[in-house]
C-alpha cells in the first residue's frame, strides 16, 4: 500500500489514521483498548507509549464523530462510525 511523502518522512503513520483505517476495514466489529493498542504496536509504537497514544487518538476520533465508544459489561468497546448521510463541510 502506498504511503504519503509525509508518512515517509515521519517513518510511520499517524496513530488516528492507523486506527481509523483499521476500524473502517472491520466496521462490523468493536474492539477494546487493548486490542487497538496491538494495532499501533505493529506500527512501531512501544509498550510504554502505546496506551497513551491510543487513548489520545481514540479521543480525537470520537470528537470528530468517526469512532463510537460504548461500555458493555464494564469494558469499553470502540467501533467505526459510518456516515448516515450528508455531512456538511466545516469550511466555505
PDB file of N, CA and C in Angstrom:
ATOM      1  N   UNK A   1       0.841  -1.166   0.000  1.00  0.00           N
ATOM      2  CA  UNK A   1       0.000   0.000   0.000  1.00  0.00           C
ATOM      3  C   UNK A   1       0.892   1.237   0.000  1.00  0.00           C
ATOM      4  N   UNK A   2       0.660   2.170  -0.908  1.00  0.00           N
ATOM      5  CA  UNK A   2       1.480   3.382  -0.953  1.00  0.00           C
ATOM      6  C   UNK A   2       1.246   4.261   0.277  1.00  0.00           C
ATOM      7  N   UNK A   3       2.255   5.031   0.637  1.00  0.00           N
ATOM      8  CA  UNK A   3       2.126   5.982   1.732  1.00  0.00           C
ATOM      9  C   UNK A   3       2.464   7.373   1.218  1.00  0.00           C
ATOM     10  N   UNK A   4       2.028   8.390   1.953  1.00  0.00           N
ATOM     11  CA  UNK A   4       2.303   9.770   1.552  1.00  0.00           C
ATOM     12  C   UNK A   4       3.759  10.125   1.829  1.00  0.00           C
ATOM     13  N   UNK A   5       4.215  11.199   1.224  1.00  0.00           N
ATOM     14  CA  UNK A   5       5.576  11.682   1.460  1.00  0.00           C
ATOM     15  C   UNK A   5       5.744  12.058   2.933  1.00  0.00           C
ATOM     16  N   UNK A   6       4.692  12.633   3.525  1.00  0.00           N
ATOM     17  CA  UNK A   6       4.750  12.978   4.948  1.00  0.00           C
ATOM     18  C   UNK A   6       4.965  11.753   5.822  1.00  0.00           C
ATOM     19  N   UNK A   7       4.234  10.661   5.519  1.00  0.00           N
ATOM     20  CA  UNK A   7       4.417   9.407   6.263  1.00  0.00           C
ATOM     21  C   UNK A   7       5.817   8.860   6.054  1.00  0.00           C
ATOM     22  N   UNK A   8       6.302   8.974   4.837  1.00  0.00           N
ATOM     23  CA  UNK A   8       7.657   8.508   4.526  1.00  0.00           C
ATOM     24  C   UNK A   8       8.667   9.285   5.365  1.00  0.00           C
ATOM     25  N   UNK A   9       8.513  10.610   5.416  1.00  0.00           N
ATOM     26  CA  UNK A   9       9.436  11.457   6.170  1.00  0.00           C
ATOM     27  C   UNK A   9       9.339  11.198   7.667  1.00  0.00           C
ATOM     28  N   UNK A  10       8.129  10.948   8.175  1.00  0.00           N
ATOM     29  CA  UNK A  10       7.944  10.677   9.612  1.00  0.00           C
ATOM     30  C   UNK A  10       8.387   9.271   9.987  1.00  0.00           C
ATOM     31  N   UNK A  11       8.313   8.361   9.064  1.00  0.00           N
ATOM     32  CA  UNK A  11       8.737   6.997   9.339  1.00  0.00           C
ATOM     33  C   UNK A  11       7.630   6.072   9.803  1.00  0.00           C
ATOM     34  N   UNK A  12       6.464   6.623  10.126  1.00  0.00           N
ATOM     35  CA  UNK A  12       5.318   5.802  10.494  1.00  0.00           C
ATOM     36  C   UNK A  12       4.053   6.633  10.343  1.00  0.00           C
ATOM     37  N   UNK A  13       2.933   5.941  10.284  1.00  0.00           N
ATOM     38  CA  UNK A  13       1.640   6.593  10.105  1.00  0.00           C
ATOM     39  C   UNK A  13       1.186   7.262  11.399  1.00  0.00           C
ATOM     40  N   UNK A  14       0.343   8.280  11.260  1.00  0.00           N
ATOM     41  CA  UNK A  14      -0.258   8.924  12.425  1.00  0.00           C
ATOM     42  C   UNK A  14      -1.192   7.920  13.105  1.00  0.00           C
ATOM     43  N   UNK A  15      -1.194   7.871  14.436  1.00  0.00           N
ATOM     44  CA  UNK A  15      -1.995   6.875  15.151  1.00  0.00           C
ATOM     45  C   UNK A  15      -3.488   6.924  14.820  1.00  0.00           C
ATOM     46  N   UNK A  16      -4.065   8.117  14.743  1.00  0.00           N
ATOM     47  CA  UNK A  16      -5.502   8.221  14.451  1.00  0.00           C
ATOM     48  C   UNK A  16      -5.813   7.667  13.070  1.00  0.00           C
ATOM     49  N   UNK A  17      -4.936   7.904  12.088  1.00  0.00           N
ATOM     50  CA  UNK A  17      -5.147   7.384  10.735  1.00  0.00           C
ATOM     51  C   UNK A  17      -5.084   5.861  10.720  1.00  0.00           C
ATOM     52  N   UNK A  18      -4.136   5.300  11.449  1.00  0.00           N
ATOM     53  CA  UNK A  18      -3.988   3.849  11.513  1.00  0.00           C
ATOM     54  C   UNK A  18      -5.233   3.218  12.130  1.00  0.00           C
ATOM     55  N   UNK A  19      -5.678   3.773  13.258  1.00  0.00           N
ATOM     56  CA  UNK A  19      -6.841   3.210  13.936  1.00  0.00           C
ATOM     57  C   UNK A  19      -8.111   3.375  13.114  1.00  0.00           C
ATOM     58  N   UNK A  20      -8.304   4.539  12.503  1.00  0.00           N
ATOM     59  CA  UNK A  20      -9.492   4.754  11.685  1.00  0.00           C
ATOM     60  C   UNK A  20      -9.518   3.797  10.502  1.00  0.00           C
ATOM     61  N   UNK A  21      -8.401   3.626   9.863  1.00  0.00           N
ATOM     62  CA  UNK A  21      -8.326   2.700   8.734  1.00  0.00           C
ATOM     63  C   UNK A  21      -8.656   1.276   9.176  1.00  0.00           C
ATOM     64  N   UNK A  22      -8.087   0.845  10.300  1.00  0.00           N
ATOM     65  CA  UNK A  22      -8.349  -0.496  10.819  1.00  0.00           C
ATOM     66  C   UNK A  22      -9.824  -0.672  11.162  1.00  0.00           C
ATOM     67  N   UNK A  23     -10.387   0.305  11.895  1.00  0.00           N
ATOM     68  CA  UNK A  23     -11.789   0.195  12.304  1.00  0.00           C
ATOM     69  C   UNK A  23     -12.730   0.239  11.101  1.00  0.00           C
ATOM     70  N   UNK A  24     -12.382   1.023  10.086  1.00  0.00           N
ATOM     71  CA  UNK A  24     -13.207   1.074   8.873  1.00  0.00           C
ATOM     72  C   UNK A  24     -13.190  -0.283   8.165  1.00  0.00           C
ATOM     73  N   UNK A  25     -12.027  -0.894   8.090  1.00  0.00           N
ATOM     74  CA  UNK A  25     -11.904  -2.208   7.441  1.00  0.00           C
ATOM     75  C   UNK A  25     -12.635  -3.297   8.216  1.00  0.00           C
ATOM     76  N   UNK A  26     -12.830  -3.088   9.505  1.00  0.00           N
ATOM     77  CA  UNK A  26     -13.504  -4.067  10.370  1.00  0.00           C
ATOM     78  C   UNK A  26     -14.749  -3.441  10.976  1.00  0.00           C
ATOM     79  N   UNK A  27     -15.521  -2.744  10.155  1.00  0.00           N
ATOM     80  CA  UNK A  27     -16.654  -1.956  10.641  1.00  0.00           C
ATOM     81  C   UNK A  27     -17.799  -2.801  11.214  1.00  0.00           C
ATOM     82  N   UNK A  28     -17.731  -4.098  11.027  1.00  0.00           N
ATOM     83  CA  UNK A  28     -18.758  -4.977  11.576  1.00  0.00           C
ATOM     84  C   UNK A  28     -18.385  -5.508  12.964  1.00  0.00           C
ATOM     85  N   UNK A  29     -17.295  -4.971  13.541  1.00  0.00           N
ATOM     86  CA  UNK A  29     -16.830  -5.429  14.847  1.00  0.00           C
ATOM     87  C   UNK A  29     -16.496  -4.236  15.735  1.00  0.00           C
ATOM     88  N   UNK A  30     -16.391  -4.470  17.030  1.00  0.00           N
ATOM     89  CA  UNK A  30     -15.948  -3.469  18.003  1.00  0.00           C
ATOM     90  C   UNK A  30     -14.756  -4.056  18.756  1.00  0.00           C
ATOM     91  N   UNK A  31     -13.844  -3.179  19.175  1.00  0.00           N
ATOM     92  CA  UNK A  31     -12.584  -3.617  19.770  1.00  0.00           C
ATOM     93  C   UNK A  31     -12.326  -2.904  21.081  1.00  0.00           C
ATOM     94  N   UNK A  32     -11.618  -3.583  21.986  1.00  0.00           N
ATOM     95  CA  UNK A  32     -11.228  -2.985  23.259  1.00  0.00           C
ATOM     96  C   UNK A  32      -9.980  -2.133  23.045  1.00  0.00           C
ATOM     97  N   UNK A  33      -9.671  -1.313  24.048  1.00  0.00           N
ATOM     98  CA  UNK A  33      -8.460  -0.505  24.014  1.00  0.00           C
ATOM     99  C   UNK A  33      -7.228  -1.383  23.834  1.00  0.00           C
ATOM    100  N   UNK A  34      -7.172  -2.474  24.564  1.00  0.00           N
ATOM    101  CA  UNK A  34      -6.015  -3.364  24.488  1.00  0.00           C
ATOM    102  C   UNK A  34      -5.833  -3.927  23.080  1.00  0.00           C
ATOM    103  N   UNK A  35      -6.934  -4.300  22.450  1.00  0.00           N
ATOM    104  CA  UNK A  35      -6.851  -4.839  21.087  1.00  0.00           C
ATOM    105  C   UNK A  35      -6.357  -3.773  20.115  1.00  0.00           C
ATOM    106  N   UNK A  36      -6.806  -2.537  20.304  1.00  0.00           N
ATOM    107  CA  UNK A  36      -6.371  -1.457  19.415  1.00  0.00           C
ATOM    108  C   UNK A  36      -4.919  -1.068  19.680  1.00  0.00           C
ATOM    109  N   UNK A  37      -4.466  -1.233  20.908  1.00  0.00           N
ATOM    110  CA  UNK A  37      -3.054  -0.975  21.213  1.00  0.00           C
ATOM    111  C   UNK A  37      -2.142  -1.901  20.403  1.00  0.00           C
ATOM    112  N   UNK A  38      -2.547  -3.139  20.223  1.00  0.00           N
ATOM    113  CA  UNK A  38      -1.722  -4.082  19.461  1.00  0.00           C
ATOM    114  C   UNK A  38      -1.580  -3.637  18.001  1.00  0.00           C
ATOM    115  N   UNK A  39      -2.595  -2.945  17.478  1.00  0.00           N
ATOM    116  CA  UNK A  39      -2.519  -2.435  16.110  1.00  0.00           C
ATOM    117  C   UNK A  39      -1.417  -1.387  16.019  1.00  0.00           C
ATOM    118  N   UNK A  40      -1.351  -0.491  16.992  1.00  0.00           N
ATOM    119  CA  UNK A  40      -0.312   0.539  16.968  1.00  0.00           C
ATOM    120  C   UNK A  40       1.068  -0.020  17.286  1.00  0.00           C
ATOM    121  N   UNK A  41       1.130  -1.051  18.120  1.00  0.00           N
ATOM    122  CA  UNK A  41       2.434  -1.672  18.380  1.00  0.00           C
ATOM    123  C   UNK A  41       2.991  -2.275  17.097  1.00  0.00           C
ATOM    124  N   UNK A  42       2.117  -2.793  16.252  1.00  0.00           N
ATOM    125  CA  UNK A  42       2.558  -3.333  14.962  1.00  0.00           C
ATOM    126  C   UNK A  42       3.097  -2.224  14.053  1.00  0.00           C
ATOM    127  N   UNK A  43       2.701  -0.971  14.324  1.00  0.00           N
ATOM    128  CA  UNK A  43       3.189   0.182  13.563  1.00  0.00           C
ATOM    129  C   UNK A  43       4.474   0.760  14.152  1.00  0.00           C
ATOM    130  N   UNK A  44       4.963   0.162  15.231  1.00  0.00           N
ATOM    131  CA  UNK A  44       6.238   0.589  15.783  1.00  0.00           C
ATOM    132  C   UNK A  44       6.179   1.347  17.100  1.00  0.00           C
ATOM    133  N   UNK A  45       4.987   1.543  17.645  1.00  0.00           N
ATOM    134  CA  UNK A  45       4.890   2.202  18.944  1.00  0.00           C
ATOM    135  C   UNK A  45       5.251   1.201  20.031  1.00  0.00           C
ATOM    136  N   UNK A  46       6.029   1.659  21.028  1.00  0.00           N
ATOM    137  CA  UNK A  46       6.458   0.725  22.066  1.00  0.00           C
ATOM    138  C   UNK A  46       5.430   0.639  23.190  1.00  0.00           C
ATOM    139  N   UNK A  47       5.607  -0.338  24.047  1.00  0.00           N
ATOM    140  CA  UNK A  47       4.656  -0.634  25.114  1.00  0.00           C
ATOM    141  C   UNK A  47       4.487   0.553  26.055  1.00  0.00           C
ATOM    142  N   UNK A  48       5.535   1.296  26.307  1.00  0.00           N
ATOM    143  CA  UNK A  48       5.485   2.413  27.247  1.00  0.00           C
ATOM    144  C   UNK A  48       4.565   3.524  26.736  1.00  0.00           C
ATOM    145  N   UNK A  49       4.612   3.826  25.449  1.00  0.00           N
ATOM    146  CA  UNK A  49       3.830   4.936  24.910  1.00  0.00           C
ATOM    147  C   UNK A  49       2.505   4.530  24.281  1.00  0.00           C
ATOM    148  N   UNK A  50       2.307   3.269  23.987  1.00  0.00           N
ATOM    149  CA  UNK A  50       1.187   2.858  23.145  1.00  0.00           C
ATOM    150  C   UNK A  50      -0.188   3.119  23.772  1.00  0.00           C
ATOM    151  N   UNK A  51      -0.359   2.930  25.057  1.00  0.00           N
ATOM    152  CA  UNK A  51      -1.678   3.142  25.674  1.00  0.00           C
ATOM    153  C   UNK A  51      -2.043   4.620  25.602  1.00  0.00           C
ATOM    154  N   UNK A  52      -1.127   5.488  25.972  1.00  0.00           N
ATOM    155  CA  UNK A  52      -1.378   6.931  25.931  1.00  0.00           C
ATOM    156  C   UNK A  52      -1.656   7.410  24.501  1.00  0.00           C
ATOM    157  N   UNK A  53      -0.885   6.934  23.556  1.00  0.00           N
ATOM    158  CA  UNK A  53      -1.061   7.322  22.150  1.00  0.00           C
ATOM    159  C   UNK A  53      -2.391   6.810  21.618  1.00  0.00           C
ATOM    160  N   UNK A  54      -2.753   5.581  21.954  1.00  0.00           N
ATOM    161  CA  UNK A  54      -4.014   5.000  21.501  1.00  0.00           C
ATOM    162  C   UNK A  54      -5.200   5.755  22.092  1.00  0.00           C
ATOM    163  N   UNK A  55      -5.147   6.042  23.380  1.00  0.00           N
ATOM    164  CA  UNK A  55      -6.240   6.779  24.021  1.00  0.00           C
ATOM    165  C   UNK A  55      -6.411   8.167  23.412  1.00  0.00           C
ATOM    166  N   UNK A  56      -5.309   8.857  23.155  1.00  0.00           N
ATOM    167  CA  UNK A  56      -5.378  10.200  22.559  1.00  0.00           C
ATOM    168  C   UNK A  56      -5.963  10.147  21.152  1.00  0.00           C
ATOM    169  N   UNK A  57      -5.537   9.165  20.370  1.00  0.00           N
ATOM    170  CA  UNK A  57      -6.058   9.021  19.005  1.00  0.00           C
ATOM    171  C   UNK A  57      -7.550   8.703  19.025  1.00  0.00           C
ATOM    172  N   UNK A  58      -7.968   7.827  19.922  1.00  0.00           N
ATOM    173  CA  UNK A  58      -9.391   7.487  20.021  1.00  0.00           C
ATOM    174  C   UNK A  58     -10.231   8.680  20.470  1.00  0.00           C
ATOM    175  N   UNK A  59      -9.719   9.471  21.416  1.00  0.00           N
ATOM    176  CA  UNK A  59     -10.445  10.676  21.849  1.00  0.00           C
ATOM    177  C   UNK A  59     -10.660  11.621  20.669  1.00  0.00           C
ATOM    178  N   UNK A  60      -9.625  11.810  19.865  1.00  0.00           N
ATOM    179  CA  UNK A  60      -9.731  12.694  18.696  1.00  0.00           C
ATOM    180  C   UNK A  60     -10.743  12.152  17.691  1.00  0.00           C
ATOM    181  N   UNK A  61     -10.738  10.849  17.461  1.00  0.00           N
ATOM    182  CA  UNK A  61     -11.675  10.250  16.508  1.00  0.00           C
ATOM    183  C   UNK A  61     -13.109  10.294  17.019  1.00  0.00           C
ATOM    184  N   UNK A  62     -13.300  10.142  18.315  1.00  0.00           N
ATOM    185  CA  UNK A  62     -14.641  10.246  18.901  1.00  0.00           C
ATOM    186  C   UNK A  62     -15.137  11.683  18.773  1.00  0.00           C
ATOM    187  N   UNK A  63     -14.269  12.633  19.056  1.00  0.00           N
ATOM    188  CA  UNK A  63     -14.632  14.048  18.941  1.00  0.00           C
ATOM    189  C   UNK A  63     -15.015  14.403  17.500  1.00  0.00           C
ATOM    190  N   UNK A  64     -14.333  13.823  16.532  1.00  0.00           N
ATOM    191  CA  UNK A  64     -14.630  14.062  15.113  1.00  0.00           C
ATOM    192  C   UNK A  64     -15.794  13.202  14.626  1.00  0.00           C
ATOM    193  N   UNK A  65     -16.397  12.442  15.535  1.00  0.00           N
ATOM    194  CA  UNK A  65     -17.534  11.560  15.235  1.00  0.00           C
ATOM    195  C   UNK A  65     -17.204  10.518  14.174  1.00  0.00           C
ATOM    196  N   UNK A  66     -15.976  10.021  14.199  1.00  0.00           N
ATOM    197  CA  UNK A  66     -15.565   8.957  13.281  1.00  0.00           C
ATOM    198  C   UNK A  66     -15.567   7.601  13.967  1.00  0.00           C
ATOM    199  N   UNK A  67     -15.511   7.623  15.300  1.00  0.00           N
ATOM    200  CA  UNK A  67     -15.492   6.398  16.103  1.00  0.00           C
ATOM    201  C   UNK A  67     -16.526   6.548  17.213  1.00  0.00           C
ATOM    202  N   UNK A  68     -17.178   5.440  17.527  1.00  0.00           N
ATOM    203  CA  UNK A  68     -18.169   5.395  18.602  1.00  0.00           C
ATOM    204  C   UNK A  68     -17.637   4.492  19.707  1.00  0.00           C
ATOM    205  N   UNK A  69     -17.896   4.882  20.949  1.00  0.00           N
ATOM    206  CA  UNK A  69     -17.480   4.071  22.090  1.00  0.00           C
ATOM    207  C   UNK A  69     -18.715   3.713  22.899  1.00  0.00           C
ATOM    208  N   UNK A  70     -18.720   2.493  23.404  1.00  0.00           N
ATOM    209  CA  UNK A  70     -19.831   2.027  24.230  1.00  0.00           C
ATOM    210  C   UNK A  70     -19.259   1.088  25.286  1.00  0.00           C
ATOM    211  N   UNK A  71     -19.781   1.221  26.512  1.00  0.00           N
ATOM    212  CA  UNK A  71     -19.352   0.331  27.588  1.00  0.00           C
ATOM    213  C   UNK A  71     -20.325  -0.826  27.691  1.00  0.00           C
ATOM    214  N   UNK A  72     -19.779  -2.035  27.624  1.00  0.00           N
ATOM    215  CA  UNK A  72     -20.574  -3.251  27.709  1.00  0.00           C
ATOM    216  C   UNK A  72     -19.929  -4.143  28.766  1.00  0.00           C
ATOM    217  N   UNK A  73     -20.689  -4.464  29.793  1.00  0.00           N
ATOM    218  CA  UNK A  73     -20.195  -5.300  30.892  1.00  0.00           C
ATOM    219  C   UNK A  73     -18.860  -4.797  31.429  1.00  0.00           C
ATOM    220  N   UNK A  74     -18.819  -3.482  31.714  1.00  0.00           N
ATOM    221  CA  UNK A  74     -17.666  -2.818  32.310  1.00  0.00           C
ATOM    222  C   UNK A  74     -16.427  -2.778  31.419  1.00  0.00           C
ATOM    223  N   UNK A  75     -16.586  -3.023  30.133  1.00  0.00           N
ATOM    224  CA  UNK A  75     -15.481  -2.937  29.187  1.00  0.00           C
ATOM    225  C   UNK A  75     -15.870  -1.971  28.075  1.00  0.00           C
ATOM    226  N   UNK A  76     -14.971  -1.046  27.756  1.00  0.00           N
ATOM    227  CA  UNK A  76     -15.230  -0.102  26.668  1.00  0.00           C
ATOM    228  C   UNK A  76     -14.857  -0.738  25.334  1.00  0.00           C
ATOM    229  N   UNK A  77     -15.760  -0.584  24.372  1.00  0.00           N
ATOM    230  CA  UNK A  77     -15.539  -1.065  23.013  1.00  0.00           C
ATOM    231  C   UNK A  77     -15.614   0.110  22.045  1.00  0.00           C
ATOM    232  N   UNK A  78     -14.762   0.072  21.044  1.00  0.00           N
ATOM    233  CA  UNK A  78     -14.677   1.124  20.041  1.00  0.00           C
ATOM    234  C   UNK A  78     -14.996   0.534  18.679  1.00  0.00           C
ATOM    235  N   UNK A  79     -15.756   1.283  17.878  1.00  0.00           N
ATOM    236  CA  UNK A  79     -16.112   0.815  16.548  1.00  0.00           C
ATOM    237  C   UNK A  79     -16.172   1.992  15.591  1.00  0.00           C
ATOM    238  N   UNK A  80     -16.034   1.700  14.306  1.00  0.00           N
ATOM    239  CA  UNK A  80     -16.122   2.719  13.260  1.00  0.00           C
ATOM    240  C   UNK A  80     -17.544   3.251  13.200  1.00  0.00           C
ATOM    241  N   UNK A  81     -17.657   4.543  13.072  1.00  0.00           N
ATOM    242  CA  UNK A  81     -18.969   5.170  12.959  1.00  0.00           C
ATOM    243  C   UNK A  81     -19.118   5.677  11.535  1.00  0.00           C
ATOM    244  N   UNK A  82     -19.821   4.908  10.731  1.00  0.00           N
ATOM    245  CA  UNK A  82     -20.042   5.294   9.343  1.00  0.00           C
ATOM    246  C   UNK A  82     -20.966   6.485   9.241  1.00  0.00           C
ATOM    247  N   UNK A  83     -20.939   7.141   8.110  1.00  0.00           N
ATOM    248  CA  UNK A  83     -21.798   8.298   7.881  1.00  0.00           C
ATOM    249  C   UNK A  83     -23.182   7.837   7.477  1.00  0.00           C
ATOM    250  N   UNK A  84     -24.186   8.473   8.033  1.00  0.00           N
ATOM    251  CA  UNK A  84     -25.567   8.121   7.729  1.00  0.00           C
ATOM    252  C   UNK A  84     -26.133   8.920   6.558  1.00  0.00           C
ATOM    253  N   UNK A  85     -25.453   9.918   6.140  1.00  0.00           N
ATOM    254  CA  UNK A  85     -25.952  10.747   5.041  1.00  0.00           C
ATOM    255  C   UNK A  85     -25.020  11.900   4.788  1.00  0.00           C
ATOM    256  N   UNK A  86     -25.571  13.019   4.354  1.00  0.00           N
ATOM    257  CA  UNK A  86     -24.794  14.200   4.031  1.00  0.00           C
ATOM    258  C   UNK A  86     -24.103  14.738   5.277  1.00  0.00           C
ATOM    259  N   UNK A  87     -22.830  15.044   5.130  1.00  0.00           N
ATOM    260  CA  UNK A  87     -22.077  15.631   6.228  1.00  0.00           C
ATOM    261  C   UNK A  87     -21.550  16.975   5.742  1.00  0.00           C
ATOM    262  N   UNK A  88     -22.037  18.085   6.296  1.00  0.00           N
ATOM    263  CA  UNK A  88     -21.607  19.394   5.806  1.00  0.00           C
ATOM    264  C   UNK A  88     -20.125  19.627   6.074  1.00  0.00           C
ATOM    265  N   UNK A  89     -19.488  20.342   5.163  1.00  0.00           N
ATOM    266  CA  UNK A  89     -18.078  20.660   5.371  1.00  0.00           C
ATOM    267  C   UNK A  89     -17.950  21.776   6.376  1.00  0.00           C
ATOM    268  N   UNK A  90     -16.789  21.881   6.981  1.00  0.00           N
ATOM    269  CA  UNK A  90     -16.573  22.904   8.007  1.00  0.00           C
ATOM    270  C   UNK A  90     -16.179  24.231   7.396  1.00  0.00           C
ATOM    271  N   UNK A  91     -15.657  24.206   6.176  1.00  0.00           N
ATOM    272  CA  UNK A  91     -15.230  25.439   5.511  1.00  0.00           C
ATOM    273  C   UNK A  91     -16.341  26.030   4.677  1.00  0.00           C
ATOM    274  N   UNK A  92     -15.968  27.033   3.864  1.00  0.00           N
ATOM    275  CA  UNK A  92     -16.951  27.671   2.987  1.00  0.00           C
ATOM    276  C   UNK A  92     -17.315  26.799   1.827  1.00  0.00           C
TER     277      UNK A  92
END
